[in-house]
C-alpha atoms as a PDB file:
ATOM      1  CA  UNK A   1     119.689-211.847 142.625  1.00  0.00           C
ATOM      2  CA  UNK A   2     119.113-208.143 142.192  1.00  0.00           C
ATOM      3  CA  UNK A   3     117.905-205.837 144.893  1.00  0.00           C
ATOM      4  CA  UNK A   4     114.127-205.400 145.053  1.00  0.00           C
ATOM      5  CA  UNK A   5     112.891-201.875 144.420  1.00  0.00           C
ATOM      6  CA  UNK A   6     109.669-200.107 145.212  1.00  0.00           C
ATOM      7  CA  UNK A   7     107.213-199.704 142.342  1.00  0.00           C
ATOM      8  CA  UNK A   8     107.356-195.908 142.694  1.00  0.00           C
ATOM      9  CA  UNK A   9     111.126-196.004 142.122  1.00  0.00           C
ATOM     10  CA  UNK A  10     110.797-198.290 139.106  1.00  0.00           C
ATOM     11  CA  UNK A  11     108.015-196.151 137.629  1.00  0.00           C
ATOM     12  CA  UNK A  12     110.070-192.974 138.107  1.00  0.00           C
ATOM     13  CA  UNK A  13     113.000-194.625 136.311  1.00  0.00           C
ATOM     14  CA  UNK A  14     110.810-195.716 133.385  1.00  0.00           C
ATOM     15  CA  UNK A  15     109.063-192.348 133.106  1.00  0.00           C
ATOM     16  CA  UNK A  16     112.411-190.526 133.006  1.00  0.00           C
ATOM     17  CA  UNK A  17     113.262-192.205 129.694  1.00  0.00           C
ATOM     18  CA  UNK A  18     112.827-190.140 126.517  1.00  0.00           C
ATOM     19  CA  UNK A  19     109.331-190.519 125.066  1.00  0.00           C
ATOM     20  CA  UNK A  20     107.967-192.412 128.056  1.00  0.00           C
ATOM     21  CA  UNK A  21     105.501-189.674 128.998  1.00  0.00           C
ATOM     22  CA  UNK A  22     103.992-189.591 125.510  1.00  0.00           C
ATOM     23  CA  UNK A  23     103.765-193.387 125.374  1.00  0.00           C
ATOM     24  CA  UNK A  24     102.104-193.457 128.795  1.00  0.00           C
ATOM     25  CA  UNK A  25      99.571-190.826 127.711  1.00  0.00           C
ATOM     26  CA  UNK A  26      98.767-192.727 124.507  1.00  0.00           C
ATOM     27  CA  UNK A  27      98.247-195.926 126.502  1.00  0.00           C
ATOM     28  CA  UNK A  28      95.983-194.090 128.947  1.00  0.00           C
ATOM     29  CA  UNK A  29      93.847-192.744 126.112  1.00  0.00           C
ATOM     30  CA  UNK A  30      93.554-196.185 124.477  1.00  0.00           C
ATOM     31  CA  UNK A  31      92.590-197.762 127.796  1.00  0.00           C
ATOM     32  CA  UNK A  32      89.961-195.118 128.623  1.00  0.00           C
ATOM     33  CA  UNK A  33      88.389-195.279 125.153  1.00  0.00           C
ATOM     34  CA  UNK A  34      88.276-199.073 125.275  1.00  0.00           C
ATOM     35  CA  UNK A  35      86.741-199.050 128.732  1.00  0.00           C
ATOM     36  CA  UNK A  36      84.074-196.544 127.677  1.00  0.00           C
ATOM     37  CA  UNK A  37      83.124-198.689 124.683  1.00  0.00           C
ATOM     38  CA  UNK A  38      82.989-201.862 126.783  1.00  0.00           C
ATOM     39  CA  UNK A  39      80.825-200.240 129.468  1.00  0.00           C
ATOM     40  CA  UNK A  40      78.376-198.839 126.911  1.00  0.00           C
ATOM     41  CA  UNK A  41      78.262-202.135 125.008  1.00  0.00           C
ATOM     42  CA  UNK A  42      77.425-203.930 128.252  1.00  0.00           C
ATOM     43  CA  UNK A  43      74.746-201.323 129.107  1.00  0.00           C
ATOM     44  CA  UNK A  44      73.095-202.077 125.780  1.00  0.00           C
ATOM     45  CA  UNK A  45      73.340-205.817 126.393  1.00  0.00           C
ATOM     46  CA  UNK A  46      75.458-206.371 123.298  1.00  0.00           C
ATOM     47  CA  UNK A  47      78.143-208.999 122.824  1.00  0.00           C
ATOM     48  CA  UNK A  48      81.440-208.114 121.200  1.00  0.00           C
ATOM     49  CA  UNK A  49      80.275-210.034 118.115  1.00  0.00           C
ATOM     50  CA  UNK A  50      77.076-207.981 117.924  1.00  0.00           C
ATOM     51  CA  UNK A  51      79.024-204.718 118.239  1.00  0.00           C
ATOM     52  CA  UNK A  52      81.431-205.949 115.590  1.00  0.00           C
ATOM     53  CA  UNK A  53      78.529-206.635 113.230  1.00  0.00           C
ATOM     54  CA  UNK A  54      77.082-203.150 113.837  1.00  0.00           C
ATOM     55  CA  UNK A  55      80.446-201.510 113.061  1.00  0.00           C
ATOM     56  CA  UNK A  56      81.615-203.750 110.239  1.00  0.00           C
ATOM     57  CA  UNK A  57      84.515-205.058 112.318  1.00  0.00           C
ATOM     58  CA  UNK A  58      85.477-208.564 113.371  1.00  0.00           C
ATOM     59  CA  UNK A  59      84.946-209.619 117.002  1.00  0.00           C
ATOM     60  CA  UNK A  60      88.720-209.882 117.727  1.00  0.00           C
ATOM     61  CA  UNK A  61      89.131-206.246 116.619  1.00  0.00           C
ATOM     62  CA  UNK A  62      86.452-205.187 119.122  1.00  0.00           C
ATOM     63  CA  UNK A  63      88.172-207.214 121.843  1.00  0.00           C
ATOM     64  CA  UNK A  64      91.552-205.593 121.083  1.00  0.00           C
ATOM     65  CA  UNK A  65      89.975-202.140 121.106  1.00  0.00           C
ATOM     66  CA  UNK A  66      88.201-202.729 124.430  1.00  0.00           C
ATOM     67  CA  UNK A  67      91.487-203.952 125.939  1.00  0.00           C
ATOM     68  CA  UNK A  68      93.237-200.730 124.904  1.00  0.00           C
ATOM     69  CA  UNK A  69      95.305-202.485 122.262  1.00  0.00           C
ATOM     70  CA  UNK A  70      94.636-200.117 119.380  1.00  0.00           C
ATOM     71  CA  UNK A  71      94.473-196.362 118.874  1.00  0.00           C
ATOM     72  CA  UNK A  72      91.330-195.642 116.830  1.00  0.00           C
ATOM     73  CA  UNK A  73      90.909-193.071 114.116  1.00  0.00           C
ATOM     74  CA  UNK A  74      88.164-190.442 114.307  1.00  0.00           C
ATOM     75  CA  UNK A  75      86.131-192.283 111.620  1.00  0.00           C
ATOM     76  CA  UNK A  76      86.372-195.488 113.683  1.00  0.00           C
ATOM     77  CA  UNK A  77      85.197-193.646 116.796  1.00  0.00           C
ATOM     78  CA  UNK A  78      82.263-192.276 114.792  1.00  0.00           C
ATOM     79  CA  UNK A  79      81.304-195.807 113.695  1.00  0.00           C
ATOM     80  CA  UNK A  80      81.538-197.051 117.278  1.00  0.00           C
ATOM     81  CA  UNK A  81      79.505-194.125 118.592  1.00  0.00           C
ATOM     82  CA  UNK A  82      76.737-194.756 116.065  1.00  0.00           C
ATOM     83  CA  UNK A  83      76.719-198.483 116.820  1.00  0.00           C
ATOM     84  CA  UNK A  84      76.521-197.705 120.543  1.00  0.00           C
ATOM     85  CA  UNK A  85      73.685-195.217 120.013  1.00  0.00           C
ATOM     86  CA  UNK A  86      75.815-192.289 121.113  1.00  0.00           C
ATOM     87  CA  UNK A  87      77.178-189.038 119.723  1.00  0.00           C
ATOM     88  CA  UNK A  88      80.936-188.627 119.483  1.00  0.00           C
ATOM     89  CA  UNK A  89      82.297-185.506 121.152  1.00  0.00           C
ATOM     90  CA  UNK A  90      85.980-184.627 120.840  1.00  0.00           C
ATOM     91  CA  UNK A  91      87.325-181.723 122.845  1.00  0.00           C
ATOM     92  CA  UNK A  92      90.535-180.119 124.011  1.00  0.00           C
ATOM     93  CA  UNK A  93      91.019-179.337 127.690  1.00  0.00           C
ATOM     94  CA  UNK A  94      93.681-177.215 129.382  1.00  0.00           C
ATOM     95  CA  UNK A  95      96.256-179.482 131.019  1.00  0.00           C
ATOM     96  CA  UNK A  96      95.413-178.298 134.541  1.00  0.00           C
ATOM     97  CA  UNK A  97      91.787-179.441 134.038  1.00  0.00           C
ATOM     98  CA  UNK A  98      92.548-182.748 132.322  1.00  0.00           C
ATOM     99  CA  UNK A  99      92.702-185.860 134.457  1.00  0.00           C
END
């Protein structure tokens, strides 16, 4: 069997690979967008099927989005925002201020 390694060591190894930082950032964005949609949907008392109907999507597409499985387009975010009774706001932030 191989030697066990600390998660921090394994993560550092993975993140040192070419393109890993960009992939990690894309995954973070997908996860945060999906979480925001899920939280708002739950606040409104909607099911995934009801949100899907409001947006013209199928329920599995909503589930994938909420799980961070897809990167949405701006038009898709606009449809979701309208269905969730929100206004879409896209902004750029300096790296030192971004979390």
